[in-house]
Amino acid sequence: GSFGTVGTSTRMNLAAFDESSDGAGLTLSANWVNNMDAVVNALAVSRDGTRLFAGGRFWEITTNTPTPTTINRQSLASLSTLDLTLPQASFDAKLDRDASAHVSKKSVVSLFVAGNTVFIGGDFGKLDQTSISNLAAVNASTGESIGWLPNLAPVHA
């Protein structure tokens, strides 16, 4: 989403919750802190539940555990649901890498995971330095294009 706090805790655009031990509901996770520098529009979970894919208009992700660290990920990231630390370094989809794309409205708005493929839709023009229009598929482990590159008008679903 687009927010800066959850309750009294700083959480930038992405938050995780744990089930309370007494069964009373959900509590904000103190361990899983991945702050995005801009809006998160879409989330999808890998079939085995170990990875959370986030899509949006962000440029950087900062984690506070174990120490504050920032990693660049333009509009698409894979976050571990297990180790609670940095986004997965091996996953880098290379959407609109140039600085001018950060200033414009490039964004991922929809995600779908099927096996080891992540389908992404939105408003973007490059993937792995290849011109593409708004819809693509990447390897869920690496973020590399799988070669499926249809050209469409911006996707808003």
Protein backbone atom coordinates (compact mmCIF):
# COMPACT_ATOMS: atom_id res chain seq x y z
CA GLY A 1 0.00 0.00 0.00
CA SER A 2 0.93 3.59 0.53
CA PHE A 3 1.54 4.31 4.23
CA GLY A 4 4.29 5.30 6.66
CA THR A 5 3.15 3.82 9.96
CA VAL A 6 1.16 0.93 11.34
CA GLY A 7 -0.11 1.91 14.76
CA THR A 8 2.89 3.65 16.30
CA SER A 9 5.53 1.69 14.37
CA THR A 10 7.28 2.91 11.23
CA ARG A 11 6.50 0.68 8.28
CA MET A 12 6.89 2.16 4.81
CA ASN A 13 4.39 0.79 2.28
CA LEU A 14 4.73 -2.87 3.37
CA ALA A 15 4.06 -4.61 6.68
CA ALA A 16 3.85 -8.14 8.03
CA PHE A 17 1.68 -9.45 10.83
CA ASP A 18 1.95 -12.47 13.12
CA GLU A 19 -0.88 -14.38 14.74
CA SER A 20 -0.99 -13.52 18.42
CA SER A 21 -0.10 -16.39 20.73
CA ASP A 22 -3.39 -16.04 22.61
CA GLY A 23 -5.47 -16.37 19.43
CA ALA A 24 -6.84 -12.84 19.82
CA GLY A 25 -5.86 -11.75 16.30
CA LEU A 26 -2.90 -10.31 14.48
CA THR A 27 0.02 -8.28 15.78
CA LEU A 28 2.57 -6.30 13.80
CA SER A 29 5.69 -8.39 13.20
CA ALA A 30 8.69 -6.91 15.01
CA ASN A 31 11.11 -9.16 13.09
CA TRP A 32 10.06 -8.77 9.45
CA VAL A 33 10.78 -5.14 8.55
CA ASN A 34 11.20 -4.35 4.84
CA ASN A 35 10.47 -0.70 4.07
CA MET A 36 9.80 0.27 0.46
CA ASP A 37 10.54 3.85 -0.62
CA ALA A 38 7.27 4.14 -2.58
CA VAL A 39 3.89 2.48 -3.06
CA VAL A 40 3.42 -1.31 -3.24
CA ASN A 41 0.55 -2.21 -5.59
CA ALA A 42 0.60 -6.00 -5.75
CA LEU A 43 1.69 -9.04 -3.75
CA ALA A 44 1.95 -12.71 -4.67
CA VAL A 45 3.33 -15.69 -2.73
CA SER A 46 5.35 -18.55 -4.18
CA ARG A 47 3.57 -21.91 -4.12
CA ASP A 48 5.89 -23.21 -1.37
CA GLY A 49 5.27 -20.08 0.73
CA THR A 50 8.96 -19.16 1.04
CA ARG A 51 8.92 -16.02 -1.13
CA LEU A 52 6.73 -12.95 -1.27
CA PHE A 53 6.83 -11.05 -4.55
CA ALA A 54 6.06 -7.34 -4.30
CA GLY A 55 5.30 -5.07 -7.23
CA GLY A 56 4.81 -1.34 -7.25
CA ARG A 57 6.46 1.99 -7.91
CA PHE A 58 9.35 1.60 -5.45
CA TRP A 59 13.05 2.03 -6.16
CA GLU A 60 14.71 0.82 -2.95
CA ILE A 61 14.01 -1.56 -0.09
CA THR A 62 15.51 -0.98 3.35
CA THR A 63 15.54 -3.67 5.98
CA ASN A 64 16.20 -3.02 9.66
CA THR A 65 17.12 -6.57 10.61
CA PRO A 66 19.78 -7.38 11.61
CA THR A 67 21.20 -3.92 10.68
CA PRO A 68 19.80 -1.23 8.35
CA THR A 69 20.66 -2.17 4.77
CA THR A 70 19.31 -0.82 1.49
CA ILE A 71 19.08 -2.72 -1.79
CA ASN A 72 17.94 -1.39 -5.18
CA ARG A 73 14.94 -3.10 -6.75
CA GLN A 74 12.97 -1.22 -9.37
CA SER A 75 9.24 -1.98 -9.14
CA LEU A 76 9.59 -5.73 -8.48
CA ALA A 77 11.20 -7.62 -5.59
CA SER A 78 11.32 -11.08 -4.08
CA LEU A 79 11.33 -11.11 -0.28
CA SER A 80 12.08 -14.14 1.87
CA THR A 81 9.30 -15.15 4.23
CA LEU A 82 11.74 -17.36 6.16
CA ASP A 83 14.96 -15.54 7.03
CA LEU A 84 13.36 -12.15 7.76
CA THR A 85 16.32 -10.20 6.41
CA LEU A 86 17.20 -8.74 3.01
CA PRO A 87 15.27 -9.12 -0.21
CA GLN A 88 16.59 -12.06 -2.20
CA ALA A 89 19.77 -10.81 -3.86
CA SER A 90 19.56 -13.43 -6.62
CA PHE A 91 16.20 -12.06 -7.83
CA ASP A 92 16.66 -8.94 -9.95
CA ALA A 93 14.14 -8.36 -12.74
CA LYS A 94 15.84 -5.24 -14.17
CA LEU A 95 12.67 -3.32 -14.98
CA ASP A 96 13.38 0.15 -16.40
CA ARG A 97 16.89 0.43 -14.96
CA ASP A 98 17.69 4.00 -15.98
CA ALA A 99 17.27 6.89 -13.57
CA SER A 100 14.67 8.58 -15.78
CA ALA A 101 12.33 5.61 -15.23
CA HIS A 102 12.42 6.28 -11.48
CA VAL A 103 11.17 9.80 -12.02
CA SER A 104 8.34 8.71 -14.30
CA LYS A 105 5.34 6.62 -13.34
CA LYS A 106 6.78 3.18 -14.11
CA SER A 107 4.98 0.67 -11.97
CA VAL A 108 4.00 -2.98 -11.50
CA VAL A 109 0.30 -3.28 -10.65
CA SER A 110 -0.40 -7.00 -10.95
CA LEU A 111 1.46 -10.24 -10.19
CA PHE A 112 0.68 -13.91 -10.68
CA VAL A 113 2.94 -16.83 -9.75
CA ALA A 114 2.70 -20.14 -11.63
CA GLY A 115 5.35 -22.69 -10.73
CA ASN A 116 8.72 -21.02 -11.23
CA THR A 117 7.33 -18.12 -13.29
CA VAL A 118 6.17 -14.70 -12.13
CA PHE A 119 3.88 -12.88 -14.55
CA ILE A 120 4.00 -9.11 -14.14
CA GLY A 121 1.69 -6.44 -15.50
CA GLY A 122 1.75 -2.68 -15.26
CA ASP A 123 3.23 0.36 -16.92
CA PHE A 124 6.87 -0.27 -17.84
CA GLY A 125 8.93 -0.24 -21.00
CA LYS A 126 12.01 -2.40 -20.49
CA LEU A 127 12.92 -5.78 -19.05
CA ASP A 128 16.57 -6.91 -19.08
CA GLN A 129 17.32 -3.98 -21.42
CA THR A 130 14.77 -5.30 -23.94
CA SER A 131 11.98 -2.97 -24.98
CA ILE A 132 8.64 -4.35 -23.89
CA SER A 133 5.22 -2.94 -23.24
CA ASN A 134 3.61 -3.57 -19.89
CA LEU A 135 3.36 -7.38 -19.59
CA ALA A 136 6.15 -9.92 -19.06
CA ALA A 137 7.15 -13.15 -17.34
CA VAL A 138 10.30 -13.75 -15.31
CA ASN A 139 12.01 -16.67 -13.63
CA ALA A 140 10.86 -16.74 -9.99
CA SER A 141 14.37 -17.57 -8.73
CA THR A 142 16.43 -15.07 -10.71
CA GLY A 143 14.04 -12.43 -12.07
CA GLU A 144 15.43 -12.98 -15.57
CA SER A 145 13.08 -12.81 -18.53
CA ILE A 146 11.80 -16.17 -19.76
CA GLY A 147 11.32 -14.70 -23.24
CA TRP A 148 7.56 -14.19 -23.07
CA LEU A 149 7.27 -10.55 -24.09
CA PRO A 150 3.87 -9.55 -25.46
CA ASN A 151 3.35 -5.85 -26.14
CA LEU A 152 0.22 -4.34 -24.63
CA ALA A 153 -1.20 -1.05 -23.48
CA PRO A 154 -0.61 -0.42 -19.74
CA VAL A 155 -2.11 -3.16 -17.55
CA HIS A 156 -4.32 -1.94 -14.68
CA ALA A 157 -5.71 -5.22 -13.35
